[in-house]
Amino acid sequence: MKAEFYFSLLRYVYDPLTQEFVNIGVVLYSPTHSFLHATFTSRYGRISKMFGRIDGASFRATTSFIERRVTNVNERLARGLLFHNPKESLQSILDEVMPPDDTAIRFVFGGVGITDNPTRSLEELFERYVTRYENPSENARRDENDVWKVFQEPLRSKEVFPYFGPKTITAPGYEYEFERSWKNGIWHLFEPVSFDLADEQSILEKASRWVGRTMSLSDSSEPFKLFLLLGEPSDPRLGTAFQRATNLLTKKIPGQSELVRERDAEQFAEEVEQEFQNHLLESQE
């Protein structure tokens, strides 16, 4: 269902007089979807380059505190403990999170839009206003579409491929649309994730974001199994970082999940086809 949303930007304002600033986060609020979520960067390198050294520990502590406060307000909203007027401004809600003052970190109104998927819109806004301006070395050498092509080729010849379709998993206060899925008792969700990035920190942060996303979805009323199709770093020097990322995903992702590497794409396609065939036989009995 398409509905109106409002978003605000979290900024680090270096000089109130000149209004020099760096965007460090986005908050999106959709009254119709009872959705209030934030995404913040923990990186402060760009701020240091532009304005000189800052206290990194204090910066991370502040953004983490704000993110927790936004999450708390969203949980109360999802449980019906908050009864905000749909026409109430997002800024008035954020005043509860962080009362306005003269500190360097502050919220500013970003704009209004229409969405049928607030989670995706939040990610797009974060990319538009925050990550695209960060260090270019953080950019992916291969994106998710490139990784999917590796798995798509062997899967395309299998009978199950035509049955793949999108599926949105919804949990209290959070939802995410998986573009490729099929149902066999429970939903099987296939998500390519590129770790072909340029540095160790980017790899570990991406793994952490997926841990957070799956934790948010773990309260869904629909059971599912998540298959993360992993694109490995092309730089062999990042092999250790990739292994740490996979360890994090293995240990921290809740519920049923499986990590599949590119080198196992052919075998994975065969396993998916075999499971599909078994499903057909069982349905015919």
Protein backbone atom coordinates (compact mmCIF):
# COMPACT_ATOMS: atom_id res chain seq x y z
CA MET A 1 0.00 0.00 0.00
CA LYS A 2 1.45 3.33 -1.05
CA ALA A 3 1.40 6.01 1.61
CA GLU A 4 3.06 9.29 2.49
CA PHE A 5 6.30 9.37 4.42
CA TYR A 6 8.43 12.09 5.98
CA PHE A 7 12.16 12.03 6.49
CA SER A 8 14.74 14.02 8.42
CA LEU A 9 18.50 14.13 8.15
CA LEU A 10 20.90 13.90 11.07
CA ARG A 11 23.72 16.36 10.50
CA TYR A 12 27.05 17.16 12.02
CA VAL A 13 27.09 20.98 11.85
CA TYR A 14 30.64 22.24 12.16
CA ASP A 15 29.93 25.97 12.23
CA PRO A 16 26.45 27.36 13.03
CA LEU A 17 27.35 30.65 11.35
CA THR A 18 28.52 29.27 8.02
CA GLN A 19 26.21 26.23 8.29
CA GLU A 20 28.96 23.89 7.10
CA PHE A 21 27.70 20.37 7.69
CA VAL A 22 27.99 16.66 6.88
CA ASN A 23 24.94 14.35 6.72
CA ILE A 24 25.46 11.36 8.99
CA GLY A 25 22.04 9.70 9.09
CA VAL A 26 18.42 9.51 7.94
CA VAL A 27 15.15 8.96 9.85
CA LEU A 28 11.99 7.98 7.99
CA TYR A 29 8.47 8.15 9.42
CA SER A 30 5.36 6.71 7.73
CA PRO A 31 2.23 7.11 9.90
CA THR A 32 0.17 4.75 7.75
CA HIS A 33 2.76 1.98 8.05
CA SER A 34 3.44 2.73 11.74
CA PHE A 35 7.07 2.91 10.67
CA LEU A 36 9.77 4.98 12.32
CA HIS A 37 13.33 3.88 11.63
CA ALA A 38 16.78 5.44 11.42
CA THR A 39 20.06 4.58 9.75
CA PHE A 40 23.26 6.28 10.84
CA THR A 41 26.86 5.99 9.78
CA SER A 42 29.51 5.23 12.39
CA ARG A 43 32.22 6.69 10.18
CA TYR A 44 33.70 10.06 11.03
CA GLY A 45 36.68 10.11 8.68
CA ARG A 46 34.99 12.51 6.26
CA ILE A 47 34.23 14.92 9.10
CA SER A 48 37.85 14.82 10.23
CA LYS A 49 39.10 15.48 6.71
CA MET A 50 36.78 18.45 6.28
CA PHE A 51 36.90 20.07 9.71
CA GLY A 52 39.84 18.57 11.59
CA ARG A 53 40.09 15.84 14.18
CA ILE A 54 37.02 14.97 16.28
CA ASP A 55 36.47 12.67 19.25
CA GLY A 56 35.60 9.42 17.45
CA ALA A 57 34.49 7.56 20.57
CA SER A 58 32.14 10.38 21.53
CA PHE A 59 30.78 10.57 17.98
CA ARG A 60 29.97 6.86 17.86
CA ALA A 61 28.46 6.93 21.36
CA THR A 62 26.19 9.84 20.40
CA THR A 63 24.92 8.30 17.16
CA SER A 64 24.37 4.94 18.88
CA PHE A 65 22.39 6.66 21.64
CA ILE A 66 20.19 8.47 19.11
CA GLU A 67 19.59 5.26 17.15
CA ARG A 68 18.53 3.45 20.32
CA ARG A 69 16.14 6.26 21.19
CA VAL A 70 14.56 6.14 17.73
CA THR A 71 14.20 2.35 18.01
CA ASN A 72 12.53 2.75 21.42
CA VAL A 73 10.01 5.26 20.06
CA ASN A 74 9.29 2.98 17.09
CA GLU A 75 8.65 0.00 19.37
CA ARG A 76 6.16 2.05 21.39
CA LEU A 77 4.55 3.19 18.15
CA ALA A 78 4.26 -0.42 16.89
CA ARG A 79 2.69 -1.55 20.18
CA GLY A 80 0.15 1.24 20.01
CA LEU A 81 1.56 3.02 23.04
CA LEU A 82 2.00 6.22 21.06
CA PHE A 83 -0.93 7.92 19.39
CA HIS A 84 0.63 10.45 17.11
CA ASN A 85 -1.59 12.56 14.91
CA PRO A 86 -0.70 11.49 11.35
CA LYS A 87 -0.36 15.16 10.50
CA GLU A 88 2.06 15.74 13.35
CA SER A 89 5.48 16.72 12.07
CA LEU A 90 8.34 14.27 12.21
CA GLN A 91 10.42 16.95 13.86
CA SER A 92 8.09 17.05 16.87
CA ILE A 93 8.56 13.29 17.25
CA LEU A 94 12.33 13.66 16.98
CA ASP A 95 12.27 16.36 19.65
CA GLU A 96 11.33 13.52 22.00
CA VAL A 97 14.38 11.58 20.81
CA MET A 98 16.79 14.49 21.07
CA PRO A 99 15.54 17.89 22.26
CA PRO A 100 16.89 20.71 20.06
CA ASP A 101 19.92 22.54 21.42
CA ASP A 102 23.12 24.11 20.14
CA THR A 103 25.14 20.89 19.86
CA ALA A 104 26.95 20.00 16.65
CA ILE A 105 24.69 16.99 15.91
CA ARG A 106 21.10 17.86 15.08
CA PHE A 107 18.07 16.83 13.03
CA VAL A 108 16.85 18.87 10.06
CA PHE A 109 13.73 18.23 7.99
CA GLY A 110 14.52 16.44 4.73
CA GLY A 111 11.29 16.12 2.79
CA VAL A 112 8.14 14.16 1.95
CA GLY A 113 7.54 11.24 -0.40
CA ILE A 114 5.31 8.30 -1.29
CA THR A 115 6.27 4.67 -0.68
CA ASP A 116 4.88 1.16 -0.50
CA ASN A 117 8.09 -0.09 1.11
CA PRO A 118 9.40 2.23 3.87
CA THR A 119 12.44 0.03 4.54
CA ARG A 120 13.62 0.26 0.96
CA SER A 121 12.92 4.01 0.84
CA LEU A 122 15.02 4.50 3.97
CA GLU A 123 17.93 2.61 2.40
CA GLU A 124 17.64 4.64 -0.80
CA LEU A 125 17.61 7.92 1.11
CA PHE A 126 20.63 6.84 3.17
CA GLU A 127 22.52 6.04 -0.03
CA ARG A 128 21.48 9.35 -1.60
CA TYR A 129 22.28 11.65 1.31
CA VAL A 130 25.03 9.84 3.24
CA THR A 131 26.97 6.95 1.74
CA ARG A 132 27.45 8.36 -1.75
CA TYR A 133 29.58 11.13 -0.24
CA GLU A 134 31.73 8.88 1.91
CA ASN A 135 35.17 7.64 0.96
CA PRO A 136 35.04 6.24 -2.61
CA SER A 137 37.22 3.33 -1.43
CA GLU A 138 34.15 1.98 0.38
CA ASN A 139 32.28 1.44 -2.87
CA ALA A 140 31.68 -2.09 -4.08
CA ARG A 141 33.81 -3.44 -6.88
CA ARG A 142 30.87 -5.76 -7.62
CA ASP A 143 27.33 -5.06 -6.50
CA GLU A 144 24.49 -7.44 -5.63
CA ASN A 145 23.39 -7.76 -9.25
CA ASP A 146 26.87 -8.93 -10.23
CA VAL A 147 26.82 -11.56 -7.48
CA TRP A 148 23.33 -12.71 -8.45
CA LYS A 149 24.51 -13.36 -12.03
CA VAL A 150 26.94 -15.97 -10.70
CA PHE A 151 24.10 -17.89 -9.04
CA GLN A 152 21.49 -17.14 -11.69
CA GLU A 153 23.30 -18.96 -14.49
CA PRO A 154 23.19 -22.47 -12.94
CA LEU A 155 19.73 -21.86 -11.44
CA ARG A 156 18.20 -20.74 -14.73
CA SER A 157 18.39 -24.26 -16.17
CA LYS A 158 16.56 -25.73 -13.18
CA GLU A 159 12.81 -26.28 -13.09
CA VAL A 160 12.41 -24.24 -9.92
CA PHE A 161 13.68 -21.01 -11.46
CA PRO A 162 10.36 -19.94 -13.09
CA TYR A 163 8.70 -20.16 -9.68
CA PHE A 164 10.97 -17.56 -8.07
CA GLY A 165 9.19 -14.36 -7.12
CA PRO A 166 9.32 -11.45 -4.66
CA LYS A 167 8.25 -11.87 -1.05
CA THR A 168 7.96 -9.24 1.66
CA ILE A 169 8.64 -10.45 5.19
CA THR A 170 6.87 -8.29 7.74
CA ALA A 171 7.66 -8.01 11.44
CA PRO A 172 6.40 -5.55 14.06
CA GLY A 173 7.73 -2.16 12.98
CA TYR A 174 9.89 -3.52 10.15
CA GLU A 175 9.62 -5.18 6.74
CA TYR A 176 11.93 -6.17 3.91
CA GLU A 177 11.20 -7.30 0.36
CA PHE A 178 13.24 -10.19 -1.01
CA GLU A 179 13.19 -10.21 -4.79
CA ARG A 180 13.77 -13.97 -5.15
CA SER A 181 11.88 -16.58 -3.15
CA TRP A 182 9.71 -19.67 -3.34
CA LYS A 183 7.62 -21.52 -0.79
CA ASN A 184 8.09 -25.09 0.33
CA GLY A 185 6.25 -25.31 3.64
CA ILE A 186 8.11 -22.16 4.65
CA TRP A 187 9.44 -19.33 2.54
CA HIS A 188 12.90 -19.83 1.05
CA LEU A 189 14.50 -16.42 0.53
CA PHE A 190 17.52 -15.95 -1.73
CA GLU A 191 19.50 -12.75 -1.24
CA PRO A 192 22.79 -11.93 -3.00
CA VAL A 193 25.21 -9.94 -0.84
CA SER A 194 28.40 -8.51 -2.27
CA PHE A 195 31.41 -8.38 0.02
CA ASP A 196 33.65 -7.41 -2.89
CA LEU A 197 34.44 -4.13 -1.19
CA ALA A 198 37.59 -2.08 -0.88
CA ASP A 199 38.44 -2.32 2.81
CA GLU A 200 38.02 -4.44 5.92
CA GLN A 201 35.77 -2.02 7.81
CA SER A 202 33.26 -1.86 4.95
CA ILE A 203 33.04 -5.66 4.86
CA LEU A 204 32.44 -5.99 8.60
CA GLU A 205 29.91 -3.15 8.69
CA LYS A 206 27.92 -4.71 5.86
CA ALA A 207 27.79 -8.01 7.73
CA SER A 208 26.64 -6.15 10.86
CA ARG A 209 23.84 -4.47 8.91
CA TRP A 210 22.58 -7.88 7.76
CA VAL A 211 22.67 -9.18 11.31
CA GLY A 212 20.58 -6.20 12.42
CA ARG A 213 18.14 -6.64 9.54
CA THR A 214 17.57 -10.33 10.26
CA MET A 215 17.10 -9.65 13.96
CA SER A 216 14.41 -7.11 13.06
CA LEU A 217 12.68 -9.71 10.88
CA SER A 218 12.97 -12.56 13.39
CA ASP A 219 9.63 -11.66 15.02
CA SER A 220 7.72 -12.18 11.77
CA SER A 221 4.66 -14.42 12.03
CA GLU A 222 5.72 -16.15 8.78
CA PRO A 223 8.48 -18.74 9.15
CA PHE A 224 11.27 -18.51 6.59
CA LYS A 225 14.76 -19.70 5.77
CA LEU A 226 17.26 -17.16 4.50
CA PHE A 227 19.94 -18.06 1.98
CA LEU A 228 22.64 -15.37 1.72
CA LEU A 229 24.49 -15.77 -1.58
CA LEU A 230 27.89 -14.31 -0.84
CA GLY A 231 30.13 -12.48 -3.26
CA GLU A 232 33.72 -12.73 -2.01
CA PRO A 233 36.35 -9.96 -2.16
CA SER A 234 38.39 -9.93 -5.35
CA ASP A 235 41.33 -8.57 -3.33
CA PRO A 236 42.99 -11.60 -1.65
CA ARG A 237 44.28 -9.33 1.12
CA LEU A 238 40.68 -9.00 2.38
CA GLY A 239 40.20 -12.74 2.80
CA THR A 240 40.59 -12.54 6.58
CA ALA A 241 38.00 -9.76 6.80
CA PHE A 242 35.58 -11.81 4.71
CA GLN A 243 36.07 -14.81 6.99
CA ARG A 244 35.36 -12.64 10.03
CA ALA A 245 32.21 -11.37 8.33
CA THR A 246 30.97 -14.89 7.58
CA ASN A 247 31.70 -15.93 11.18
CA LEU A 248 29.64 -12.98 12.39
CA LEU A 249 26.74 -13.90 10.12
CA THR A 250 26.88 -17.56 11.12
CA LYS A 251 26.87 -16.84 14.85
CA LYS A 252 24.50 -13.88 15.03
CA ILE A 253 21.77 -14.36 12.41
CA PRO A 254 18.69 -15.73 14.20
CA GLY A 255 16.43 -18.47 12.86
CA GLN A 256 17.07 -20.67 9.85
CA SER A 257 19.78 -19.46 7.50
CA GLU A 258 22.49 -20.69 5.17
CA LEU A 259 25.53 -18.94 3.69
CA VAL A 260 26.40 -19.95 0.14
CA ARG A 261 29.67 -18.97 -1.55
CA GLU A 262 30.06 -18.35 -5.26
CA ARG A 263 32.27 -21.41 -5.73
CA ASP A 264 29.31 -23.54 -4.59
CA ALA A 265 26.80 -22.00 -7.02
CA GLU A 266 26.48 -25.13 -9.19
CA GLN A 267 26.01 -27.43 -6.22
CA PHE A 268 23.55 -25.03 -4.65
CA ALA A 269 21.44 -24.97 -7.82
CA GLU A 270 21.32 -28.77 -7.83
CA GLU A 271 20.26 -28.85 -4.17
CA VAL A 272 17.49 -26.32 -4.79
CA GLU A 273 16.23 -28.34 -7.76
CA GLN A 274 16.28 -31.57 -5.74
CA GLU A 275 14.30 -29.95 -2.93
CA PHE A 276 11.81 -28.66 -5.47
CA GLN A 277 11.40 -32.12 -6.98
CA ASN A 278 10.84 -33.62 -3.53
CA HIS A 279 8.24 -30.96 -2.87
CA LEU A 280 6.39 -31.87 -6.07
CA LEU A 281 6.41 -35.58 -5.18
CA GLU A 282 5.08 -34.90 -1.69
CA SER A 283 2.30 -32.68 -3.04
CA GLN A 284 1.21 -35.46 -5.40
CA GLU A 285 0.95 -38.11 -2.72
